[in-house]
Amino acid sequence: EQGVLLLNAVLTVEAGNAASHEGKGWERFTDAVVAKVNAHKEHVVFLLWGGYAQRKGSIIDSQRHLVLKAPHPSPLSASRGFFGCGHFSKTNKYLQDTGQQPIDWVLPASVQG
């Protein structure tokens, strides 16, 4: 509804085994998605959270888009720089500065509980 796409670098995983499906082809697919958005849209904000996501930065034109990087927001790493990174407010400022609508980042009540 607001133009937000949440995309992991690898789209499946074995339960309880992080990165278990790395190298199984998802990277090619998600690279293609990022490359397509990069090439065909203007003034997109790419929030690259964690090492896997940050590797996608090499296929993004940072002259045409805003690229923000932070540690992954998982409980294991969020306190190492994700909390307080200000990505949501920076995103909205960039969107407004480029004539776009800001994102309402508040989750609907149906998702919160």
PDB file of N, CA and C in Angstrom:
ATOM      1  N   GLU A   1       0.800  -1.199   0.000  1.00  0.00           N
ATOM      2  CA  GLU A   1       0.000   0.000   0.000  1.00  0.00           C
ATOM      3  C   GLU A   1       0.846   1.268   0.000  1.00  0.00           C
ATOM      4  N   GLN A   2       2.000   1.212   0.659  1.00  0.00           N
ATOM      5  CA  GLN A   2       2.834   2.406   0.777  1.00  0.00           C
ATOM      6  C   GLN A   2       4.111   2.327  -0.047  1.00  0.00           C
ATOM      7  N   GLY A   3       4.295   1.237  -0.768  1.00  0.00           N
ATOM      8  CA  GLY A   3       5.489   1.111  -1.588  1.00  0.00           C
ATOM      9  C   GLY A   3       6.684   0.546  -0.858  1.00  0.00           C
ATOM     10  N   VAL A   4       6.455  -0.275   0.156  1.00  0.00           N
ATOM     11  CA  VAL A   4       7.545  -0.892   0.911  1.00  0.00           C
ATOM     12  C   VAL A   4       7.661  -2.354   0.504  1.00  0.00           C
ATOM     13  N   LEU A   5       8.865  -2.780   0.174  1.00  0.00           N
ATOM     14  CA  LEU A   5       9.149  -4.179  -0.130  1.00  0.00           C
ATOM     15  C   LEU A   5      10.181  -4.672   0.872  1.00  0.00           C
ATOM     16  N   LEU A   6       9.822  -5.676   1.646  1.00  0.00           N
ATOM     17  CA  LEU A   6      10.767  -6.307   2.568  1.00  0.00           C
ATOM     18  C   LEU A   6      11.296  -7.552   1.883  1.00  0.00           C
ATOM     19  N   LEU A   7      12.604  -7.640   1.729  1.00  0.00           N
ATOM     20  CA  LEU A   7      13.195  -8.733   0.960  1.00  0.00           C
ATOM     21  C   LEU A   7      14.454  -9.226   1.652  1.00  0.00           C
ATOM     22  N   ASN A   8      14.461 -10.472   2.048  1.00  0.00           N
ATOM     23  CA  ASN A   8      15.672 -11.088   2.588  1.00  0.00           C
ATOM     24  C   ASN A   8      16.574 -11.508   1.439  1.00  0.00           C
ATOM     25  N   ALA A   9      17.869 -11.578   1.689  1.00  0.00           N
ATOM     26  CA  ALA A   9      18.824 -12.015   0.666  1.00  0.00           C
ATOM     27  C   ALA A   9      18.614 -13.479   0.308  1.00  0.00           C
ATOM     28  N   VAL A  10      18.242 -14.279   1.282  1.00  0.00           N
ATOM     29  CA  VAL A  10      17.934 -15.703   1.098  1.00  0.00           C
ATOM     30  C   VAL A  10      16.524 -15.908   1.648  1.00  0.00           C
ATOM     31  N   LEU A  11      15.644 -16.505   0.857  1.00  0.00           N
ATOM     32  CA  LEU A  11      14.220 -16.496   1.194  1.00  0.00           C
ATOM     33  C   LEU A  11      13.714 -17.707   1.965  1.00  0.00           C
ATOM     34  N   THR A  12      14.548 -18.709   2.149  1.00  0.00           N
ATOM     35  CA  THR A  12      14.148 -19.861   2.960  1.00  0.00           C
ATOM     36  C   THR A  12      15.292 -20.218   3.893  1.00  0.00           C
ATOM     37  N   VAL A  13      14.952 -20.975   4.930  1.00  0.00           N
ATOM     38  CA  VAL A  13      15.957 -21.400   5.897  1.00  0.00           C
ATOM     39  C   VAL A  13      15.448 -22.653   6.602  1.00  0.00           C
ATOM     40  N   GLU A  14      16.362 -23.498   6.984  1.00  0.00           N
ATOM     41  CA  GLU A  14      16.010 -24.652   7.814  1.00  0.00           C
ATOM     42  C   GLU A  14      15.770 -24.138   9.231  1.00  0.00           C
ATOM     43  N   ALA A  15      14.679 -24.541   9.836  1.00  0.00           N
ATOM     44  CA  ALA A  15      14.321 -24.051  11.169  1.00  0.00           C
ATOM     45  C   ALA A  15      15.482 -24.216  12.144  1.00  0.00           C
ATOM     46  N   GLY A  16      15.839 -23.115  12.801  1.00  0.00           N
ATOM     47  CA  GLY A  16      16.886 -23.143  13.809  1.00  0.00           C
ATOM     48  C   GLY A  16      18.298 -23.189  13.270  1.00  0.00           C
ATOM     49  N   ASN A  17      18.462 -23.040  11.960  1.00  0.00           N
ATOM     50  CA  ASN A  17      19.789 -23.148  11.350  1.00  0.00           C
ATOM     51  C   ASN A  17      20.003 -21.967  10.405  1.00  0.00           C
ATOM     52  N   ALA A  18      20.410 -20.834  10.967  1.00  0.00           N
ATOM     53  CA  ALA A  18      20.591 -19.611  10.185  1.00  0.00           C
ATOM     54  C   ALA A  18      21.503 -19.847   8.993  1.00  0.00           C
ATOM     55  N   ALA A  19      21.154 -19.238   7.876  1.00  0.00           N
ATOM     56  CA  ALA A  19      21.932 -19.291   6.627  1.00  0.00           C
ATOM     57  C   ALA A  19      22.040 -20.696   6.041  1.00  0.00           C
ATOM     58  N   SER A  20      21.181 -21.605   6.460  1.00  0.00           N
ATOM     59  CA  SER A  20      21.262 -22.988   5.977  1.00  0.00           C
ATOM     60  C   SER A  20      20.961 -23.120   4.489  1.00  0.00           C
ATOM     61  N   HIS A  21      20.274 -22.160   3.903  1.00  0.00           N
ATOM     62  CA  HIS A  21      19.965 -22.229   2.476  1.00  0.00           C
ATOM     63  C   HIS A  21      20.772 -21.223   1.661  1.00  0.00           C
ATOM     64  N   GLU A  22      21.818 -20.695   2.267  1.00  0.00           N
ATOM     65  CA  GLU A  22      22.724 -19.813   1.531  1.00  0.00           C
ATOM     66  C   GLU A  22      23.375 -20.618   0.408  1.00  0.00           C
ATOM     67  N   GLY A  23      23.506 -19.992  -0.763  1.00  0.00           N
ATOM     68  CA  GLY A  23      24.159 -20.652  -1.889  1.00  0.00           C
ATOM     69  C   GLY A  23      23.274 -21.615  -2.658  1.00  0.00           C
ATOM     70  N   LYS A  24      21.986 -21.595  -2.409  1.00  0.00           N
ATOM     71  CA  LYS A  24      21.063 -22.501  -3.098  1.00  0.00           C
ATOM     72  C   LYS A  24      20.306 -21.809  -4.232  1.00  0.00           C
ATOM     73  N   GLY A  25      20.730 -20.606  -4.593  1.00  0.00           N
ATOM     74  CA  GLY A  25      20.114 -19.916  -5.722  1.00  0.00           C
ATOM     75  C   GLY A  25      19.298 -18.690  -5.378  1.00  0.00           C
ATOM     76  N   TRP A  26      18.932 -18.543  -4.113  1.00  0.00           N
ATOM     77  CA  TRP A  26      18.144 -17.375  -3.743  1.00  0.00           C
ATOM     78  C   TRP A  26      18.891 -16.070  -4.008  1.00  0.00           C
ATOM     79  N   GLU A  27      20.191 -16.085  -3.839  1.00  0.00           N
ATOM     80  CA  GLU A  27      20.974 -14.860  -4.023  1.00  0.00           C
ATOM     81  C   GLU A  27      20.832 -14.331  -5.448  1.00  0.00           C
ATOM     82  N   ARG A  28      20.843 -15.221  -6.424  1.00  0.00           N
ATOM     83  CA  ARG A  28      20.669 -14.783  -7.821  1.00  0.00           C
ATOM     84  C   ARG A  28      19.303 -14.130  -8.010  1.00  0.00           C
ATOM     85  N   PHE A  29      18.285 -14.744  -7.426  1.00  0.00           N
ATOM     86  CA  PHE A  29      16.936 -14.199  -7.547  1.00  0.00           C
ATOM     87  C   PHE A  29      16.834 -12.829  -6.878  1.00  0.00           C
ATOM     88  N   THR A  30      17.294 -12.720  -5.629  1.00  0.00           N
ATOM     89  CA  THR A  30      17.164 -11.449  -4.924  1.00  0.00           C
ATOM     90  C   THR A  30      18.074 -10.379  -5.528  1.00  0.00           C
ATOM     91  N   ASP A  31      19.229 -10.765  -6.066  1.00  0.00           N
ATOM     92  CA  ASP A  31      20.061  -9.807  -6.807  1.00  0.00           C
ATOM     93  C   ASP A  31      19.287  -9.249  -7.995  1.00  0.00           C
ATOM     94  N   ALA A  32      18.570 -10.117  -8.704  1.00  0.00           N
ATOM     95  CA  ALA A  32      17.800  -9.689  -9.875  1.00  0.00           C
ATOM     96  C   ALA A  32      16.676  -8.735  -9.477  1.00  0.00           C
ATOM     97  N   VAL A  33      16.020  -9.004  -8.355  1.00  0.00           N
ATOM     98  CA  VAL A  33      14.962  -8.112  -7.874  1.00  0.00           C
ATOM     99  C   VAL A  33      15.541  -6.738  -7.555  1.00  0.00           C
ATOM    100  N   VAL A  34      16.636  -6.710  -6.812  1.00  0.00           N
ATOM    101  CA  VAL A  34      17.268  -5.438  -6.445  1.00  0.00           C
ATOM    102  C   VAL A  34      17.743  -4.702  -7.698  1.00  0.00           C
ATOM    103  N   ALA A  35      18.354  -5.412  -8.628  1.00  0.00           N
ATOM    104  CA  ALA A  35      18.839  -4.793  -9.867  1.00  0.00           C
ATOM    105  C   ALA A  35      17.684  -4.194 -10.671  1.00  0.00           C
ATOM    106  N   LYS A  36      16.557  -4.884 -10.712  1.00  0.00           N
ATOM    107  CA  LYS A  36      15.388  -4.397 -11.458  1.00  0.00           C
ATOM    108  C   LYS A  36      14.841  -3.121 -10.824  1.00  0.00           C
ATOM    109  N   VAL A  37      14.697  -3.120  -9.509  1.00  0.00           N
ATOM    110  CA  VAL A  37      14.218  -1.920  -8.813  1.00  0.00           C
ATOM    111  C   VAL A  37      15.209  -0.779  -9.021  1.00  0.00           C
ATOM    112  N   ASN A  38      16.491  -1.065  -8.881  1.00  0.00           N
ATOM    113  CA  ASN A  38      17.536  -0.069  -9.072  1.00  0.00           C
ATOM    114  C   ASN A  38      17.451   0.569 -10.454  1.00  0.00           C
ATOM    115  N   ALA A  39      17.245  -0.243 -11.481  1.00  0.00           N
ATOM    116  CA  ALA A  39      17.269   0.237 -12.864  1.00  0.00           C
ATOM    117  C   ALA A  39      15.986   0.949 -13.285  1.00  0.00           C
ATOM    118  N   HIS A  40      14.860   0.558 -12.721  1.00  0.00           N
ATOM    119  CA  HIS A  40      13.583   1.032 -13.255  1.00  0.00           C
ATOM    120  C   HIS A  40      12.817   1.982 -12.350  1.00  0.00           C
ATOM    121  N   LYS A  41      13.341   2.293 -11.191  1.00  0.00           N
ATOM    122  CA  LYS A  41      12.687   3.229 -10.276  1.00  0.00           C
ATOM    123  C   LYS A  41      13.650   4.365  -9.951  1.00  0.00           C
ATOM    124  N   GLU A  42      13.097   5.467  -9.500  1.00  0.00           N
ATOM    125  CA  GLU A  42      13.906   6.616  -9.080  1.00  0.00           C
ATOM    126  C   GLU A  42      13.675   6.884  -7.594  1.00  0.00           C
ATOM    127  N   HIS A  43      14.707   7.344  -6.932  1.00  0.00           N
ATOM    128  CA  HIS A  43      14.620   7.789  -5.533  1.00  0.00           C
ATOM    129  C   HIS A  43      14.045   6.719  -4.607  1.00  0.00           C
ATOM    130  N   VAL A  44      14.603   5.528  -4.698  1.00  0.00           N
ATOM    131  CA  VAL A  44      14.219   4.423  -3.824  1.00  0.00           C
ATOM    132  C   VAL A  44      15.138   4.442  -2.608  1.00  0.00           C
ATOM    133  N   VAL A  45      14.605   4.088  -1.462  1.00  0.00           N
ATOM    134  CA  VAL A  45      15.420   3.927  -0.262  1.00  0.00           C
ATOM    135  C   VAL A  45      15.675   2.436  -0.075  1.00  0.00           C
ATOM    136  N   PHE A  46      16.944   2.068  -0.042  1.00  0.00           N
ATOM    137  CA  PHE A  46      17.350   0.688   0.217  1.00  0.00           C
ATOM    138  C   PHE A  46      17.900   0.626   1.636  1.00  0.00           C
ATOM    139  N   LEU A  47      17.235  -0.123   2.501  1.00  0.00           N
ATOM    140  CA  LEU A  47      17.686  -0.319   3.873  1.00  0.00           C
ATOM    141  C   LEU A  47      18.383  -1.668   3.923  1.00  0.00           C
ATOM    142  N   LEU A  48      19.684  -1.648   4.015  1.00  0.00           N
ATOM    143  CA  LEU A  48      20.484  -2.875   3.971  1.00  0.00           C
ATOM    144  C   LEU A  48      20.902  -3.227   5.390  1.00  0.00           C
ATOM    145  N   TRP A  49      20.197  -4.182   5.958  1.00  0.00           N
ATOM    146  CA  TRP A  49      20.404  -4.564   7.355  1.00  0.00           C
ATOM    147  C   TRP A  49      21.088  -5.909   7.422  1.00  0.00           C
ATOM    148  N   GLY A  50      22.313  -5.907   7.902  1.00  0.00           N
ATOM    149  CA  GLY A  50      23.095  -7.139   8.021  1.00  0.00           C
ATOM    150  C   GLY A  50      24.022  -7.335   6.839  1.00  0.00           C
ATOM    151  N   GLY A  51      24.988  -8.202   7.037  1.00  0.00           N
ATOM    152  CA  GLY A  51      26.019  -8.434   6.029  1.00  0.00           C
ATOM    153  C   GLY A  51      25.502  -8.944   4.705  1.00  0.00           C
ATOM    154  N   TYR A  52      24.566  -9.887   4.732  1.00  0.00           N
ATOM    155  CA  TYR A  52      24.030 -10.424   3.479  1.00  0.00           C
ATOM    156  C   TYR A  52      23.371  -9.320   2.659  1.00  0.00           C
ATOM    157  N   ALA A  53      22.561  -8.505   3.315  1.00  0.00           N
ATOM    158  CA  ALA A  53      21.880  -7.412   2.625  1.00  0.00           C
ATOM    159  C   ALA A  53      22.875  -6.371   2.129  1.00  0.00           C
ATOM    160  N   GLN A  54      23.881  -6.082   2.938  1.00  0.00           N
ATOM    161  CA  GLN A  54      24.831  -5.040   2.556  1.00  0.00           C
ATOM    162  C   GLN A  54      25.632  -5.409   1.322  1.00  0.00           C
ATOM    163  N   ARG A  55      25.787  -6.694   1.067  1.00  0.00           N
ATOM    164  CA  ARG A  55      26.463  -7.108  -0.171  1.00  0.00           C
ATOM    165  C   ARG A  55      25.668  -6.717  -1.405  1.00  0.00           C
ATOM    166  N   LYS A  56      24.372  -6.535  -1.259  1.00  0.00           N
ATOM    167  CA  LYS A  56      23.534  -6.098  -2.383  1.00  0.00           C
ATOM    168  C   LYS A  56      23.849  -4.650  -2.769  1.00  0.00           C
ATOM    169  N   GLY A  57      24.493  -3.920  -1.878  1.00  0.00           N
ATOM    170  CA  GLY A  57      24.801  -2.520  -2.142  1.00  0.00           C
ATOM    171  C   GLY A  57      25.630  -2.298  -3.387  1.00  0.00           C
ATOM    172  N   SER A  58      26.403  -3.281  -3.784  1.00  0.00           N
ATOM    173  CA  SER A  58      27.255  -3.123  -4.967  1.00  0.00           C
ATOM    174  C   SER A  58      26.454  -3.050  -6.265  1.00  0.00           C
ATOM    175  N   ILE A  59      25.190  -3.447  -6.245  1.00  0.00           N
ATOM    176  CA  ILE A  59      24.381  -3.377  -7.465  1.00  0.00           C
ATOM    177  C   ILE A  59      23.373  -2.227  -7.424  1.00  0.00           C
ATOM    178  N   ILE A  60      23.534  -1.334  -6.446  1.00  0.00           N
ATOM    179  CA  ILE A  60      22.621  -0.197  -6.299  1.00  0.00           C
ATOM    180  C   ILE A  60      23.361   1.091  -6.643  1.00  0.00           C
ATOM    181  N   ASP A  61      22.735   1.926  -7.456  1.00  0.00           N
ATOM    182  CA  ASP A  61      23.295   3.220  -7.834  1.00  0.00           C
ATOM    183  C   ASP A  61      22.975   4.234  -6.737  1.00  0.00           C
ATOM    184  N   SER A  62      23.953   4.522  -5.905  1.00  0.00           N
ATOM    185  CA  SER A  62      23.726   5.427  -4.770  1.00  0.00           C
ATOM    186  C   SER A  62      23.605   6.891  -5.200  1.00  0.00           C
ATOM    187  N   GLN A  63      23.822   7.179  -6.478  1.00  0.00           N
ATOM    188  CA  GLN A  63      23.583   8.536  -6.980  1.00  0.00           C
ATOM    189  C   GLN A  63      22.092   8.761  -7.256  1.00  0.00           C
ATOM    190  N   ARG A  64      21.365   7.685  -7.529  1.00  0.00           N
ATOM    191  CA  ARG A  64      19.931   7.774  -7.842  1.00  0.00           C
ATOM    192  C   ARG A  64      19.045   7.381  -6.675  1.00  0.00           C
ATOM    193  N   HIS A  65      19.616   6.704  -5.700  1.00  0.00           N
ATOM    194  CA  HIS A  65      18.840   6.157  -4.595  1.00  0.00           C
ATOM    195  C   HIS A  65      19.558   6.437  -3.275  1.00  0.00           C
ATOM    196  N   LEU A  66      18.820   6.307  -2.183  1.00  0.00           N
ATOM    197  CA  LEU A  66      19.419   6.411  -0.853  1.00  0.00           C
ATOM    198  C   LEU A  66      19.694   5.004  -0.347  1.00  0.00           C
ATOM    199  N   VAL A  67      20.933   4.763   0.060  1.00  0.00           N
ATOM    200  CA  VAL A  67      21.330   3.463   0.592  1.00  0.00           C
ATOM    201  C   VAL A  67      21.748   3.658   2.047  1.00  0.00           C
ATOM    202  N   LEU A  68      21.035   3.001   2.952  1.00  0.00           N
ATOM    203  CA  LEU A  68      21.336   3.070   4.381  1.00  0.00           C
ATOM    204  C   LEU A  68      21.712   1.682   4.866  1.00  0.00           C
ATOM    205  N   LYS A  69      22.775   1.601   5.656  1.00  0.00           N
ATOM    206  CA  LYS A  69      23.266   0.307   6.144  1.00  0.00           C
ATOM    207  C   LYS A  69      23.300   0.290   7.666  1.00  0.00           C
ATOM    208  N   ALA A  70      22.978  -0.868   8.223  1.00  0.00           N
ATOM    209  CA  ALA A  70      23.030  -1.068   9.678  1.00  0.00           C
ATOM    210  C   ALA A  70      23.150  -2.560   9.950  1.00  0.00           C
ATOM    211  N   PRO A  71      23.518  -2.917  11.176  1.00  0.00           N
ATOM    212  CA  PRO A  71      23.504  -4.340  11.541  1.00  0.00           C
ATOM    213  C   PRO A  71      22.092  -4.915  11.405  1.00  0.00           C
ATOM    214  N   HIS A  72      22.015  -6.219  11.300  1.00  0.00           N
ATOM    215  CA  HIS A  72      20.726  -6.901  11.196  1.00  0.00           C
ATOM    216  C   HIS A  72      19.909  -6.654  12.466  1.00  0.00           C
ATOM    217  N   PRO A  73      18.585  -6.492  12.337  1.00  0.00           N
ATOM    218  CA  PRO A  73      17.766  -6.215  13.523  1.00  0.00           C
ATOM    219  C   PRO A  73      17.406  -7.435  14.367  1.00  0.00           C
ATOM    220  N   SER A  74      18.054  -8.549  14.160  1.00  0.00           N
ATOM    221  CA  SER A  74      17.747  -9.731  14.974  1.00  0.00           C
ATOM    222  C   SER A  74      18.157  -9.478  16.425  1.00  0.00           C
ATOM    223  N   PRO A  75      17.569 -10.194  17.360  1.00  0.00           N
ATOM    224  CA  PRO A  75      17.929 -10.012  18.774  1.00  0.00           C
ATOM    225  C   PRO A  75      19.420 -10.220  19.049  1.00  0.00           C
ATOM    226  N   LEU A  76      20.095 -10.974  18.211  1.00  0.00           N
ATOM    227  CA  LEU A  76      21.520 -11.242  18.427  1.00  0.00           C
ATOM    228  C   LEU A  76      22.417 -10.067  18.049  1.00  0.00           C
ATOM    229  N   SER A  77      21.928  -9.169  17.172  1.00  0.00           N
ATOM    230  CA  SER A  77      22.812  -8.104  16.701  1.00  0.00           C
ATOM    231  C   SER A  77      22.204  -6.710  16.735  1.00  0.00           C
ATOM    232  N   ALA A  78      20.939  -6.576  17.034  1.00  0.00           N
ATOM    233  CA  ALA A  78      20.274  -5.271  16.965  1.00  0.00           C
ATOM    234  C   ALA A  78      20.922  -4.227  17.859  1.00  0.00           C
ATOM    235  N   SER A  79      21.450  -4.639  18.999  1.00  0.00           N
ATOM    236  CA  SER A  79      22.056  -3.681  19.928  1.00  0.00           C
ATOM    237  C   SER A  79      23.429  -3.203  19.464  1.00  0.00           C
ATOM    238  N   ARG A  80      23.943  -3.759  18.373  1.00  0.00           N
ATOM    239  CA  ARG A  80      25.256  -3.347  17.854  1.00  0.00           C
ATOM    240  C   ARG A  80      25.144  -2.286  16.765  1.00  0.00           C
ATOM    241  N   GLY A  81      24.048  -1.531  16.765  1.00  0.00           N
ATOM    242  CA  GLY A  81      23.938  -0.432  15.818  1.00  0.00           C
ATOM    243  C   GLY A  81      22.620  -0.311  15.090  1.00  0.00           C
ATOM    244  N   PHE A  82      21.778  -1.337  15.140  1.00  0.00           N
ATOM    245  CA  PHE A  82      20.467  -1.183  14.500  1.00  0.00           C
ATOM    246  C   PHE A  82      19.597  -0.244  15.324  1.00  0.00           C
ATOM    247  N   PHE A  83      19.511  -0.524  16.637  1.00  0.00           N
ATOM    248  CA  PHE A  83      18.747   0.374  17.500  1.00  0.00           C
ATOM    249  C   PHE A  83      19.399   1.752  17.462  1.00  0.00           C
ATOM    250  N   GLY A  84      18.613   2.751  17.184  1.00  0.00           N
ATOM    251  CA  GLY A  84      19.127   4.117  17.154  1.00  0.00           C
ATOM    252  C   GLY A  84      19.713   4.548  15.827  1.00  0.00           C
ATOM    253  N   CYS A  85      19.673   3.698  14.810  1.00  0.00           N
ATOM    254  CA  CYS A  85      20.269   4.078  13.521  1.00  0.00           C
ATOM    255  C   CYS A  85      19.449   5.139  12.800  1.00  0.00           C
ATOM    256  N   GLY A  86      18.187   5.294  13.174  1.00  0.00           N
ATOM    257  CA  GLY A  86      17.357   6.348  12.594  1.00  0.00           C
ATOM    258  C   GLY A  86      16.920   6.105  11.160  1.00  0.00           C
ATOM    259  N   HIS A  87      16.967   4.865  10.711  1.00  0.00           N
ATOM    260  CA  HIS A  87      16.651   4.590   9.309  1.00  0.00           C
ATOM    261  C   HIS A  87      15.227   4.968   8.918  1.00  0.00           C
ATOM    262  N   PHE A  88      14.278   4.807   9.824  1.00  0.00           N
ATOM    263  CA  PHE A  88      12.896   5.117   9.466  1.00  0.00           C
ATOM    264  C   PHE A  88      12.713   6.623   9.270  1.00  0.00           C
ATOM    265  N   SER A  89      13.269   7.430  10.159  1.00  0.00           N
ATOM    266  CA  SER A  89      13.153   8.882  10.002  1.00  0.00           C
ATOM    267  C   SER A  89      13.998   9.376   8.829  1.00  0.00           C
ATOM    268  N   LYS A  90      15.172   8.794   8.606  1.00  0.00           N
ATOM    269  CA  LYS A  90      15.996   9.176   7.451  1.00  0.00           C
ATOM    270  C   LYS A  90      15.292   8.830   6.144  1.00  0.00           C
ATOM    271  N   THR A  91      14.624   7.683   6.129  1.00  0.00           N
ATOM    272  CA  THR A  91      13.853   7.293   4.947  1.00  0.00           C
ATOM    273  C   THR A  91      12.770   8.322   4.661  1.00  0.00           C
ATOM    274  N   ASN A  92      12.003   8.673   5.681  1.00  0.00           N
ATOM    275  CA  ASN A  92      10.909   9.619   5.472  1.00  0.00           C
ATOM    276  C   ASN A  92      11.406  10.994   5.058  1.00  0.00           C
ATOM    277  N   LYS A  93      12.525  11.435   5.609  1.00  0.00           N
ATOM    278  CA  LYS A  93      13.085  12.726   5.195  1.00  0.00           C
ATOM    279  C   LYS A  93      13.464  12.681   3.725  1.00  0.00           C
ATOM    280  N   TYR A  94      14.140  11.628   3.295  1.00  0.00           N
ATOM    281  CA  TYR A  94      14.535  11.490   1.889  1.00  0.00           C
ATOM    282  C   TYR A  94      13.302  11.451   0.981  1.00  0.00           C
ATOM    283  N   LEU A  95      12.303  10.689   1.373  1.00  0.00           N
ATOM    284  CA  LEU A  95      11.091  10.608   0.550  1.00  0.00           C
ATOM    285  C   LEU A  95      10.449  11.982   0.404  1.00  0.00           C
ATOM    286  N   GLN A  96      10.332  12.709   1.498  1.00  0.00           N
ATOM    287  CA  GLN A  96       9.746  14.046   1.433  1.00  0.00           C
ATOM    288  C   GLN A  96      10.619  14.991   0.614  1.00  0.00           C
ATOM    289  N   ASP A  97      11.936  14.894   0.780  1.00  0.00           N
ATOM    290  CA  ASP A  97      12.854  15.750   0.026  1.00  0.00           C
ATOM    291  C   ASP A  97      12.781  15.493  -1.475  1.00  0.00           C
ATOM    292  N   THR A  98      12.352  14.294  -1.863  1.00  0.00           N
ATOM    293  CA  THR A  98      12.244  13.945  -3.287  1.00  0.00           C
ATOM    294  C   THR A  98      10.790  13.961  -3.764  1.00  0.00           C
ATOM    295  N   GLY A  99       9.911  14.628  -3.001  1.00  0.00           N
ATOM    296  CA  GLY A  99       8.529  14.821  -3.419  1.00  0.00           C
ATOM    297  C   GLY A  99       7.625  13.612  -3.261  1.00  0.00           C
ATOM    298  N   GLN A 100       8.004  12.688  -2.392  1.00  0.00           N
ATOM    299  CA  GLN A 100       7.212  11.485  -2.180  1.00  0.00           C
ATOM    300  C   GLN A 100       6.550  11.517  -0.805  1.00  0.00           C
ATOM    301  N   GLN A 101       5.584  10.641  -0.626  1.00  0.00           N
ATOM    302  CA  GLN A 101       4.886  10.545   0.650  1.00  0.00           C
ATOM    303  C   GLN A 101       5.738   9.773   1.656  1.00  0.00           C
ATOM    304  N   PRO A 102       5.792  10.237   2.904  1.00  0.00           N
ATOM    305  CA  PRO A 102       6.503   9.468   3.930  1.00  0.00           C
ATOM    306  C   PRO A 102       5.744   8.182   4.248  1.00  0.00           C
ATOM    307  N   ILE A 103       6.449   7.227   4.811  1.00  0.00           N
ATOM    308  CA  ILE A 103       5.877   5.940   5.195  1.00  0.00           C
ATOM    309  C   ILE A 103       5.335   6.036   6.620  1.00  0.00           C
ATOM    310  N   ASP A 104       4.167   5.468   6.844  1.00  0.00           N
ATOM    311  CA  ASP A 104       3.643   5.316   8.201  1.00  0.00           C
ATOM    312  C   ASP A 104       4.175   3.985   8.704  1.00  0.00           C
ATOM    313  N   TRP A 105       5.198   4.022   9.542  1.00  0.00           N
ATOM    314  CA  TRP A 105       5.892   2.818   9.991  1.00  0.00           C
ATOM    315  C   TRP A 105       5.183   2.092  11.133  1.00  0.00           C
ATOM    316  N   VAL A 106       4.074   2.625  11.633  1.00  0.00           N
ATOM    317  CA  VAL A 106       3.353   1.983  12.730  1.00  0.00           C
ATOM    318  C   VAL A 106       2.641   0.746  12.193  1.00  0.00           C
ATOM    319  N   LEU A 107       2.866  -0.383  12.853  1.00  0.00           N
ATOM    320  CA  LEU A 107       2.206  -1.620  12.439  1.00  0.00           C
ATOM    321  C   LEU A 107       0.726  -1.568  12.788  1.00  0.00           C
ATOM    322  N   PRO A 108      -0.132  -2.100  11.915  1.00  0.00           N
ATOM    323  CA  PRO A 108      -1.555  -2.167  12.255  1.00  0.00           C
ATOM    324  C   PRO A 108      -1.769  -3.046  13.488  1.00  0.00           C
ATOM    325  N   ALA A 109      -2.821  -2.775  14.229  1.00  0.00           N
ATOM    326  CA  ALA A 109      -3.105  -3.531  15.454  1.00  0.00           C
ATOM    327  C   ALA A 109      -3.204  -5.025  15.186  1.00  0.00           C
ATOM    328  N   SER A 110      -3.681  -5.405  14.011  1.00  0.00           N
ATOM    329  CA  SER A 110      -3.826  -6.828  13.686  1.00  0.00           C
ATOM    330  C   SER A 110      -2.484  -7.544  13.588  1.00  0.00           C
ATOM    331  N   VAL A 111      -1.408  -6.803  13.378  1.00  0.00           N
ATOM    332  CA  VAL A 111      -0.074  -7.393  13.262  1.00  0.00           C
ATOM    333  C   VAL A 111       0.674  -7.330  14.592  1.00  0.00           C
ATOM    334  N   GLN A 112       0.365  -6.367  15.419  1.00  0.00           N
ATOM    335  CA  GLN A 112       1.109  -6.130  16.651  1.00  0.00           C
ATOM    336  C   GLN A 112       0.930  -7.209  17.705  1.00  0.00           C
ATOM    337  N   GLY A 113      -0.168  -7.858  17.761  1.00  0.00           N
ATOM    338  CA  GLY A 113      -0.383  -8.744  18.888  1.00  0.00           C
ATOM    339  C   GLY A 113      -0.598 -10.135  18.494  1.00  0.00           C
TER     340      GLY A 113
END
